[in-house]
N, C-alpha and C. Protein backbone atom coordinates (compact mmCIF):
# COMPACT_ATOMS: atom_id res chain seq x y z
N MET A 1 23.07 -45.53 -16.29
CA MET A 1 22.97 -45.13 -17.63
C MET A 1 24.23 -44.70 -18.67
N SER A 2 23.74 -45.85 -20.09
CA SER A 2 24.66 -46.47 -20.85
C SER A 2 25.27 -44.89 -21.72
N ARG A 3 26.24 -44.52 -22.41
CA ARG A 3 26.21 -43.60 -23.32
C ARG A 3 25.31 -43.06 -24.35
N LYS A 4 25.04 -44.61 -24.66
CA LYS A 4 24.09 -44.06 -26.02
C LYS A 4 22.53 -43.40 -25.33
N SER A 5 21.86 -44.33 -24.47
CA SER A 5 21.29 -43.65 -23.75
C SER A 5 20.84 -42.12 -23.20
N LEU A 6 22.28 -42.04 -22.63
CA LEU A 6 22.94 -40.34 -22.30
C LEU A 6 22.65 -39.51 -23.52
N ASN A 7 23.08 -39.69 -24.45
CA ASN A 7 23.32 -39.69 -25.87
C ASN A 7 21.48 -39.21 -26.55
N ASP A 8 20.77 -40.05 -26.13
CA ASP A 8 19.24 -40.18 -27.02
C ASP A 8 18.95 -39.19 -25.92
N ARG A 9 18.94 -39.19 -24.46
CA ARG A 9 18.00 -38.23 -23.78
C ARG A 9 18.36 -36.59 -24.05
N ILE A 10 19.76 -36.65 -23.94
CA ILE A 10 20.60 -35.32 -24.61
C ILE A 10 19.63 -34.92 -25.59
N GLY A 11 19.68 -35.69 -27.06
CA GLY A 11 19.21 -35.59 -28.15
C GLY A 11 17.72 -35.12 -27.98
N HIS A 12 16.81 -35.61 -27.36
CA HIS A 12 15.54 -34.87 -26.70
C HIS A 12 15.26 -33.79 -26.32
N VAL A 13 16.00 -33.68 -25.32
CA VAL A 13 16.08 -32.29 -23.96
C VAL A 13 16.09 -31.17 -25.45
N MET A 14 17.46 -31.48 -26.10
CA MET A 14 17.50 -30.44 -27.45
C MET A 14 16.27 -30.17 -28.11
N ASN A 15 15.93 -30.87 -28.39
CA ASN A 15 14.71 -30.60 -29.59
C ASN A 15 12.95 -30.85 -28.56
N CYS A 16 13.51 -30.27 -27.56
CA CYS A 16 11.86 -30.05 -26.62
C CYS A 16 11.48 -28.87 -27.31
N ALA A 17 12.00 -27.78 -27.03
CA ALA A 17 11.66 -26.37 -27.52
C ALA A 17 10.96 -26.62 -28.85
N ARG A 18 11.41 -27.14 -29.94
CA ARG A 18 10.72 -27.60 -31.38
C ARG A 18 9.71 -27.91 -31.22
N THR A 19 9.27 -28.62 -30.60
CA THR A 19 7.96 -29.35 -30.63
C THR A 19 6.99 -28.68 -29.35
N LEU A 20 7.39 -27.38 -28.90
CA LEU A 20 6.41 -27.71 -27.81
C LEU A 20 5.08 -26.54 -28.58
N PRO A 21 3.56 -26.47 -28.13
CA PRO A 21 2.69 -26.32 -28.43
C PRO A 21 2.48 -24.64 -28.82
N THR A 22 2.11 -24.17 -28.88
CA THR A 22 1.84 -22.51 -29.28
C THR A 22 0.66 -22.03 -27.89
N TYR A 23 1.29 -21.41 -26.98
CA TYR A 23 -0.17 -21.35 -25.85
C TYR A 23 -0.61 -20.14 -26.33
N HIS A 24 -1.79 -20.07 -25.98
CA HIS A 24 -3.14 -18.88 -26.67
C HIS A 24 -4.03 -18.80 -24.80
N GLY A 25 -3.97 -17.45 -24.34
CA GLY A 25 -4.51 -17.17 -23.38
C GLY A 25 -3.81 -16.34 -22.34
N SER A 26 -4.26 -16.57 -21.04
CA SER A 26 -3.33 -15.93 -20.04
C SER A 26 -3.00 -16.81 -19.38
N LEU A 27 -1.73 -16.35 -18.69
CA LEU A 27 -1.07 -17.29 -17.80
C LEU A 27 -2.28 -17.39 -16.11
N ASP A 28 -2.67 -16.26 -15.85
CA ASP A 28 -3.42 -16.82 -14.83
C ASP A 28 -4.89 -17.57 -14.67
N GLN A 29 -5.17 -17.54 -16.41
CA GLN A 29 -6.69 -18.50 -16.22
C GLN A 29 -6.19 -19.41 -16.29
N ASN A 30 -5.04 -20.53 -16.54
CA ASN A 30 -4.62 -21.28 -16.92
C ASN A 30 -3.56 -22.35 -15.81
N GLN A 31 -3.50 -21.39 -14.82
CA GLN A 31 -2.59 -21.70 -13.77
C GLN A 31 -3.17 -22.65 -12.36
N GLN A 32 -4.72 -22.02 -12.49
CA GLN A 32 -5.46 -22.23 -11.75
C GLN A 32 -5.80 -24.36 -11.86
N GLY A 33 -5.73 -24.82 -10.84
CA GLY A 33 -5.96 -26.72 -10.87
C GLY A 33 -4.52 -27.12 -11.88
N ARG A 34 -3.21 -26.69 -11.86
CA ARG A 34 -2.43 -27.09 -12.38
C ARG A 34 -1.61 -27.39 -11.85
N GLU A 35 -0.27 -28.00 -12.46
CA GLU A 35 0.71 -28.14 -11.63
C GLU A 35 1.66 -26.58 -12.23
N PRO A 36 2.81 -26.32 -11.54
CA PRO A 36 3.49 -25.05 -12.17
C PRO A 36 4.48 -25.68 -13.45
N ARG A 37 4.71 -24.84 -13.73
CA ARG A 37 5.41 -25.27 -15.13
C ARG A 37 6.75 -24.82 -15.14
N ILE A 38 7.89 -25.51 -14.83
CA ILE A 38 9.48 -25.18 -14.40
C ILE A 38 10.02 -25.24 -15.74
N LEU A 39 10.91 -24.14 -16.27
CA LEU A 39 12.11 -24.50 -17.65
C LEU A 39 13.20 -24.11 -16.79
N VAL A 40 13.85 -25.07 -17.42
CA VAL A 40 15.44 -25.12 -16.45
C VAL A 40 16.79 -24.60 -17.66
N ALA A 41 16.83 -23.54 -17.40
CA ALA A 41 17.84 -23.90 -18.73
C ALA A 41 19.58 -23.15 -18.18
N ILE A 42 20.31 -23.89 -18.71
CA ILE A 42 21.83 -24.59 -17.82
C ILE A 42 22.28 -25.05 -19.24
N GLU A 43 23.78 -24.48 -18.96
CA GLU A 43 24.06 -24.71 -20.68
C GLU A 43 24.65 -26.10 -20.99
N TYR A 44 24.61 -26.69 -19.34
CA TYR A 44 25.49 -28.13 -19.32
C TYR A 44 24.61 -29.11 -19.25
N PRO A 45 24.47 -30.05 -20.75
CA PRO A 45 23.56 -31.14 -20.58
C PRO A 45 22.96 -32.12 -19.85
N VAL A 46 24.62 -32.07 -19.36
CA VAL A 46 24.22 -33.29 -17.34
C VAL A 46 23.69 -33.06 -16.43
N GLU A 47 24.25 -31.42 -16.15
CA GLU A 47 23.71 -30.32 -14.94
C GLU A 47 22.43 -30.25 -15.36
N ALA A 48 21.46 -29.91 -16.49
CA ALA A 48 20.51 -29.68 -16.58
C ALA A 48 19.73 -30.64 -16.41
N LEU A 49 20.02 -31.88 -16.91
CA LEU A 49 18.91 -33.23 -17.14
C LEU A 49 19.17 -33.75 -15.36
N ALA A 50 20.30 -33.09 -14.86
CA ALA A 50 20.18 -33.62 -13.50
C ALA A 50 19.16 -32.43 -12.66
N VAL A 51 19.52 -31.39 -12.94
CA VAL A 51 18.24 -30.68 -12.30
C VAL A 51 16.49 -31.02 -12.50
N GLU A 52 16.76 -31.40 -14.01
CA GLU A 52 15.56 -32.46 -14.37
C GLU A 52 14.92 -33.23 -14.07
N SER A 53 15.67 -33.86 -13.12
CA SER A 53 15.55 -35.16 -13.01
C SER A 53 15.31 -35.21 -11.16
N LEU A 54 15.93 -34.26 -10.86
CA LEU A 54 15.73 -33.75 -9.00
C LEU A 54 14.13 -33.18 -9.28
N LEU A 55 13.97 -32.30 -10.18
CA LEU A 55 12.33 -31.83 -10.19
C LEU A 55 11.05 -32.54 -9.95
N ARG A 56 11.38 -33.59 -11.51
CA ARG A 56 10.77 -34.87 -11.25
C ARG A 56 10.61 -36.18 -10.15
N GLY A 57 11.14 -36.34 -9.47
CA GLY A 57 11.88 -36.78 -8.59
C GLY A 57 11.06 -36.86 -7.54
N ASP A 58 10.68 -34.62 -7.52
CA ASP A 58 10.01 -34.29 -6.38
C ASP A 58 8.59 -33.83 -6.79
N ASN A 59 8.14 -34.36 -7.81
CA ASN A 59 6.74 -34.75 -8.48
C ASN A 59 6.42 -33.31 -9.06
N TYR A 60 7.23 -32.77 -9.68
CA TYR A 60 7.06 -31.55 -10.74
C TYR A 60 6.62 -32.19 -12.08
N ASN A 61 5.91 -32.05 -12.69
CA ASN A 61 6.05 -33.01 -13.71
C ASN A 61 6.34 -32.48 -15.49
N HIS A 62 5.30 -30.64 -15.22
CA HIS A 62 5.73 -29.99 -15.99
C HIS A 62 7.26 -28.96 -16.11
N VAL A 63 8.30 -30.11 -16.44
CA VAL A 63 9.26 -29.29 -16.84
C VAL A 63 9.85 -29.57 -18.00
N ARG A 64 10.51 -28.51 -18.20
CA ARG A 64 11.08 -28.37 -19.92
C ARG A 64 12.72 -27.90 -19.98
N VAL A 65 13.75 -28.25 -20.66
CA VAL A 65 15.09 -28.35 -20.68
C VAL A 65 15.46 -27.02 -21.50
N THR A 66 16.51 -26.17 -21.27
CA THR A 66 17.16 -25.85 -22.72
C THR A 66 18.28 -26.03 -22.27
N THR A 67 19.58 -25.98 -23.02
CA THR A 67 21.10 -25.86 -22.88
C THR A 67 21.16 -24.34 -23.62
N ASP A 68 20.08 -23.69 -23.81
CA ASP A 68 20.92 -22.21 -24.88
C ASP A 68 19.81 -21.22 -24.26
N VAL A 69 20.56 -20.50 -23.61
CA VAL A 69 19.82 -19.15 -22.52
C VAL A 69 18.88 -18.24 -23.63
N ARG A 70 19.16 -18.36 -25.45
CA ARG A 70 18.67 -17.47 -25.91
C ARG A 70 17.63 -18.10 -26.80
N GLU A 71 17.30 -19.02 -26.30
CA GLU A 71 15.88 -20.01 -26.39
C GLU A 71 14.90 -19.64 -25.17
N ILE A 72 14.85 -18.70 -24.37
CA ILE A 72 14.08 -18.56 -23.08
C ILE A 72 13.05 -17.86 -23.63
N ALA A 73 12.77 -16.79 -23.68
CA ALA A 73 11.66 -15.91 -24.37
C ALA A 73 11.13 -16.59 -25.55
N PRO A 74 11.42 -17.61 -26.70
CA PRO A 74 10.92 -17.60 -27.55
C PRO A 74 9.89 -18.82 -26.88
N MET A 75 10.39 -19.59 -26.01
CA MET A 75 10.17 -20.45 -25.16
C MET A 75 9.04 -20.19 -24.23
N PHE A 76 8.97 -19.03 -23.82
CA PHE A 76 8.14 -18.67 -22.91
C PHE A 76 6.58 -18.26 -23.52
N VAL A 77 6.66 -17.29 -24.48
CA VAL A 77 5.80 -17.55 -25.81
C VAL A 77 4.92 -18.01 -26.11
N ARG A 78 5.78 -19.64 -26.30
CA ARG A 78 4.80 -20.91 -26.72
C ARG A 78 4.41 -21.43 -25.59
N TRP A 79 5.51 -21.19 -24.42
CA TRP A 79 4.87 -22.65 -23.33
C TRP A 79 5.42 -21.38 -21.63
N PRO A 80 4.00 -20.41 -21.12
CA PRO A 80 4.54 -19.94 -20.29
C PRO A 80 4.96 -20.55 -19.47
N PHE A 81 5.82 -20.63 -18.44
CA PHE A 81 6.40 -21.21 -17.45
C PHE A 81 6.26 -19.94 -16.04
N HIS A 82 6.09 -21.23 -15.19
CA HIS A 82 6.38 -19.89 -13.71
C HIS A 82 7.25 -19.71 -13.37
N LEU A 83 8.47 -20.32 -13.27
CA LEU A 83 9.51 -20.76 -12.88
C LEU A 83 10.69 -20.88 -13.62
N LEU A 84 11.66 -19.97 -13.80
CA LEU A 84 12.83 -20.56 -14.42
C LEU A 84 14.09 -20.04 -13.73
N ILE A 85 14.70 -21.74 -13.91
CA ILE A 85 15.81 -22.07 -13.50
C ILE A 85 17.11 -21.56 -14.33
N LEU A 86 17.65 -20.28 -13.87
CA LEU A 86 18.79 -19.75 -15.15
C LEU A 86 20.20 -19.94 -14.62
N ASP A 87 20.98 -20.85 -14.92
CA ASP A 87 22.40 -20.79 -14.69
C ASP A 87 23.32 -19.18 -15.24
N MET A 88 23.37 -18.89 -14.19
CA MET A 88 24.01 -17.66 -14.14
C MET A 88 25.72 -17.43 -15.40
N HIS A 89 26.39 -18.79 -15.39
CA HIS A 89 27.63 -18.87 -15.79
C HIS A 89 27.37 -19.39 -16.90
N SER A 90 26.66 -18.82 -17.77
CA SER A 90 26.70 -18.84 -19.65
C SER A 90 27.36 -18.17 -20.20
N GLU A 91 28.33 -19.31 -21.36
CA GLU A 91 28.92 -19.22 -22.47
C GLU A 91 28.59 -18.31 -23.36
N LEU A 92 27.51 -18.53 -23.30
CA LEU A 92 26.69 -18.19 -24.84
C LEU A 92 26.69 -16.60 -24.94
N THR A 93 26.07 -16.24 -23.78
CA THR A 93 25.47 -14.78 -23.47
C THR A 93 25.69 -14.82 -21.78
N ASN A 94 25.38 -13.24 -21.70
CA ASN A 94 25.82 -12.47 -20.47
C ASN A 94 24.00 -13.06 -19.66
N SER A 95 23.86 -13.86 -19.01
CA SER A 95 22.32 -14.40 -17.83
C SER A 95 21.53 -13.04 -17.79
N ALA A 96 22.14 -11.95 -16.68
CA ALA A 96 21.66 -11.21 -16.43
C ALA A 96 21.11 -10.26 -17.49
N SER A 97 21.88 -10.29 -18.03
CA SER A 97 20.96 -9.63 -19.43
C SER A 97 20.03 -10.17 -20.15
N VAL A 98 20.07 -11.58 -20.22
CA VAL A 98 18.97 -12.41 -20.69
C VAL A 98 18.14 -11.48 -19.65
N MET A 99 17.84 -11.92 -18.34
CA MET A 99 16.99 -11.54 -17.26
C MET A 99 16.08 -9.94 -17.44
N GLN A 100 17.07 -9.43 -18.14
CA GLN A 100 16.45 -7.77 -18.48
C GLN A 100 15.97 -8.11 -19.63
N ASP A 101 16.14 -8.92 -20.90
CA ASP A 101 15.24 -9.16 -21.65
C ASP A 101 13.96 -9.62 -21.36
N LEU A 102 13.92 -10.63 -20.90
CA LEU A 102 12.77 -11.08 -20.50
C LEU A 102 12.08 -9.92 -19.80
N ALA A 103 12.40 -8.96 -18.67
CA ALA A 103 11.45 -8.35 -18.24
C ALA A 103 10.88 -7.05 -19.11
N ARG A 104 11.26 -6.94 -20.47
CA ARG A 104 10.49 -6.13 -20.93
C ARG A 104 8.74 -6.91 -21.40
N PRO A 105 9.06 -8.29 -21.65
CA PRO A 105 7.66 -8.67 -22.52
C PRO A 105 7.19 -9.55 -21.42
N ILE A 106 7.71 -9.94 -20.37
CA ILE A 106 7.22 -10.68 -19.52
C ILE A 106 7.43 -10.35 -18.24
N SER A 107 6.68 -9.82 -17.06
CA SER A 107 6.72 -8.79 -15.76
C SER A 107 6.51 -9.86 -14.79
N ALA A 108 7.09 -9.39 -14.13
CA ALA A 108 8.09 -10.10 -12.77
C ALA A 108 6.54 -10.40 -11.67
N SER A 109 4.95 -10.50 -11.90
CA SER A 109 4.05 -11.02 -11.64
C SER A 109 4.13 -12.33 -12.16
N GLU A 110 4.55 -12.73 -13.48
CA GLU A 110 4.55 -13.57 -14.16
C GLU A 110 5.14 -14.82 -14.52
N LEU A 111 6.28 -14.24 -13.53
CA LEU A 111 7.41 -15.35 -13.16
C LEU A 111 8.57 -15.21 -12.63
N SER A 112 8.72 -16.07 -11.73
CA SER A 112 9.95 -15.94 -10.54
C SER A 112 10.95 -16.78 -11.85
N VAL A 113 12.29 -16.42 -10.71
CA VAL A 113 13.71 -16.79 -11.71
C VAL A 113 14.30 -17.11 -10.22
N LEU A 114 15.07 -18.41 -10.36
CA LEU A 114 16.24 -18.44 -9.37
C LEU A 114 17.23 -18.74 -10.51
N ALA A 115 18.37 -17.72 -9.61
CA ALA A 115 19.51 -18.11 -10.55
C ALA A 115 20.27 -19.33 -10.12
N LEU A 116 20.94 -19.81 -10.65
CA LEU A 116 21.96 -20.77 -10.44
C LEU A 116 23.53 -20.11 -10.53
N THR A 117 24.25 -20.05 -9.66
CA THR A 117 25.39 -19.38 -8.89
C THR A 117 26.39 -20.57 -8.86
N ASN A 118 27.49 -19.92 -8.91
CA ASN A 118 28.77 -21.08 -8.29
C ASN A 118 29.42 -20.69 -7.23
N PRO A 119 29.68 -21.54 -6.26
CA PRO A 119 29.45 -21.67 -4.49
C PRO A 119 30.97 -20.44 -4.74
N GLY A 120 30.74 -19.37 -3.73
CA GLY A 120 31.80 -18.51 -3.64
C GLY A 120 31.77 -16.90 -4.84
N ALA A 121 30.98 -17.61 -5.45
CA ALA A 121 30.61 -16.21 -6.75
C ALA A 121 29.44 -15.05 -5.81
N GLU A 122 30.00 -14.33 -4.89
CA GLU A 122 28.93 -13.28 -4.14
C GLU A 122 28.50 -12.14 -5.08
N GLN A 123 30.13 -11.56 -6.27
CA GLN A 123 29.30 -10.72 -6.80
C GLN A 123 28.29 -11.69 -8.23
N GLU A 124 28.21 -12.44 -8.60
CA GLU A 124 27.41 -13.32 -9.58
C GLU A 124 25.97 -13.47 -9.20
N ARG A 125 26.28 -14.00 -7.74
CA ARG A 125 24.73 -13.49 -6.87
C ARG A 125 24.24 -12.18 -6.43
N LEU A 126 24.90 -11.15 -6.51
CA LEU A 126 24.30 -10.10 -6.24
C LEU A 126 23.99 -9.32 -7.57
N ALA A 127 24.54 -9.69 -8.35
CA ALA A 127 24.28 -9.20 -10.22
C ALA A 127 23.03 -9.76 -10.45
N ALA A 128 22.88 -11.36 -10.42
CA ALA A 128 21.91 -11.73 -10.25
C ALA A 128 20.75 -11.39 -10.07
N LEU A 129 20.36 -10.74 -8.44
CA LEU A 129 19.72 -10.21 -7.48
C LEU A 129 19.20 -8.92 -8.11
N ALA A 130 20.12 -8.06 -8.60
CA ALA A 130 19.96 -6.69 -9.15
C ALA A 130 19.43 -6.52 -10.41
N ALA A 131 19.38 -8.23 -11.29
CA ALA A 131 18.96 -7.94 -13.17
C ALA A 131 17.49 -8.49 -12.48
N GLY A 132 16.79 -8.56 -10.99
CA GLY A 132 15.49 -9.12 -10.94
C GLY A 132 15.59 -11.01 -10.38
N ALA A 133 16.55 -11.66 -9.98
CA ALA A 133 16.38 -12.80 -9.46
C ALA A 133 15.37 -12.69 -8.38
N THR A 134 13.97 -13.92 -8.16
CA THR A 134 13.39 -14.06 -7.01
C THR A 134 14.63 -14.37 -5.54
N ASP A 135 15.39 -15.64 -6.20
CA ASP A 135 16.61 -15.90 -5.35
C ASP A 135 17.54 -16.77 -6.38
N THR A 136 18.92 -17.32 -5.57
CA THR A 136 19.57 -17.70 -6.12
C THR A 136 19.46 -19.33 -5.25
N LEU A 137 20.46 -20.41 -6.10
CA LEU A 137 20.65 -21.48 -6.19
C LEU A 137 22.46 -21.65 -6.28
N THR A 138 22.89 -22.05 -5.28
CA THR A 138 23.79 -22.27 -5.49
C THR A 138 24.95 -24.27 -6.00
N ARG A 139 25.71 -23.79 -6.63
CA ARG A 139 26.28 -25.11 -6.66
C ARG A 139 26.76 -25.82 -5.89
N PRO A 140 26.57 -27.45 -5.62
CA PRO A 140 25.73 -28.15 -6.27
C PRO A 140 24.78 -28.13 -5.88
N LEU A 141 23.50 -28.80 -6.75
CA LEU A 141 22.18 -28.73 -6.09
C LEU A 141 21.90 -30.59 -5.32
N SER A 142 21.26 -30.00 -4.51
CA SER A 142 20.85 -31.19 -4.21
C SER A 142 19.24 -31.54 -3.77
N HIS A 143 18.73 -32.54 -3.06
CA HIS A 143 16.92 -32.38 -2.71
C HIS A 143 17.11 -30.98 -1.26
N GLU A 144 18.31 -31.31 -0.60
CA GLU A 144 18.28 -30.38 0.66
C GLU A 144 18.27 -28.97 0.53
N ASN A 145 19.11 -28.64 -0.39
CA ASN A 145 19.44 -26.93 -1.01
C ASN A 145 18.35 -26.52 -2.21
N ALA A 146 17.94 -27.29 -2.74
CA ALA A 146 17.73 -26.76 -4.31
C ALA A 146 15.64 -26.39 -3.49
N LEU A 147 15.35 -27.73 -3.42
CA LEU A 147 13.75 -27.86 -3.41
C LEU A 147 13.03 -26.61 -2.32
N PRO A 148 13.80 -26.58 -1.09
CA PRO A 148 12.54 -25.64 -0.29
C PRO A 148 12.99 -24.15 -1.20
N SER A 149 13.55 -23.50 -1.33
CA SER A 149 13.72 -22.59 -2.62
C SER A 149 13.16 -22.52 -3.85
N ILE A 150 12.85 -23.58 -4.37
CA ILE A 150 12.12 -23.72 -5.53
C ILE A 150 10.41 -23.70 -4.87
N ARG A 151 10.36 -24.34 -4.03
CA ARG A 151 9.20 -24.66 -3.32
C ARG A 151 8.50 -22.64 -2.98
N ARG A 152 9.53 -22.15 -2.25
CA ARG A 152 9.34 -20.65 -2.16
C ARG A 152 9.15 -20.05 -3.03
N ALA A 153 9.72 -19.68 -4.03
CA ALA A 153 9.60 -19.02 -5.34
C ALA A 153 8.30 -19.09 -5.57
N LEU A 154 8.01 -20.71 -6.41
CA LEU A 154 6.47 -20.82 -6.75
C LEU A 154 5.67 -20.70 -5.81
N MET A 155 6.04 -20.30 -4.58
CA MET A 155 4.42 -20.47 -3.53
C MET A 155 4.15 -18.71 -3.68
N SER A 156 5.33 -17.90 -3.66
CA SER A 156 5.06 -16.40 -3.77
C SER A 156 5.46 -15.82 -4.83
N GLY A 157 5.49 -16.06 -5.71
CA GLY A 157 5.62 -15.82 -7.14
C GLY A 157 4.11 -15.81 -8.26
N PRO A 158 4.14 -15.78 -9.27
CA PRO A 158 3.52 -15.73 -10.02
C PRO A 158 2.23 -17.17 -10.20
N ALA A 159 3.12 -18.37 -9.13
CA ALA A 159 2.20 -19.58 -8.97
C ALA A 159 1.67 -19.47 -7.66
N ALA A 160 1.38 -18.52 -6.93
CA ALA A 160 0.93 -18.66 -5.93
C ALA A 160 -0.44 -19.67 -4.88
N VAL A 161 -0.83 -19.53 -6.18
CA VAL A 161 -2.23 -20.75 -6.26
C VAL A 161 -1.91 -22.06 -6.16
N PHE A 162 -0.39 -22.47 -6.06
CA PHE A 162 -0.10 -23.99 -6.37
C PHE A 162 0.11 -23.64 -4.35
N SER A 163 -0.12 -25.18 -4.04
CA SER A 163 -0.44 -25.32 -3.05
C SER A 163 1.03 -26.55 -2.76
N PHE A 164 2.18 -27.04 -1.65
CA PHE A 164 2.82 -28.12 -1.64
C PHE A 164 2.67 -28.43 -0.50
């Protein structure tokens, strides 16, 4: 991929949140017979795009990406997602506090969270689980270590009506 096309793609990803339609209705009414909606919130654009590509390569077609974890709650209002893949190593804000802020308007029955942690960061992993994460993923992500956890989170969380 050329640098220009990568920059164009990053620009597209950065504008996704601004172009999402406002969502009306309940999550339960709209998830039956549909594919799960996944939000990837990773601060580093190249890594965010790699995770999006991994998901789309496994036929998850309703994927949105943000590189600003502060956009998660407003995005949920406009496009309720079933699964959030959240980078716990954010320089913008404390990701554990983002999860706690999400817990106020969004119940655990509405959203599964997979926390992305660094290798060997056991305290970070435990903090994510204590803050309400469904499970954790460890960098570097690959099909072998990420997709089984993603499927488990979708099958046991609010998107349990989806089968894989």
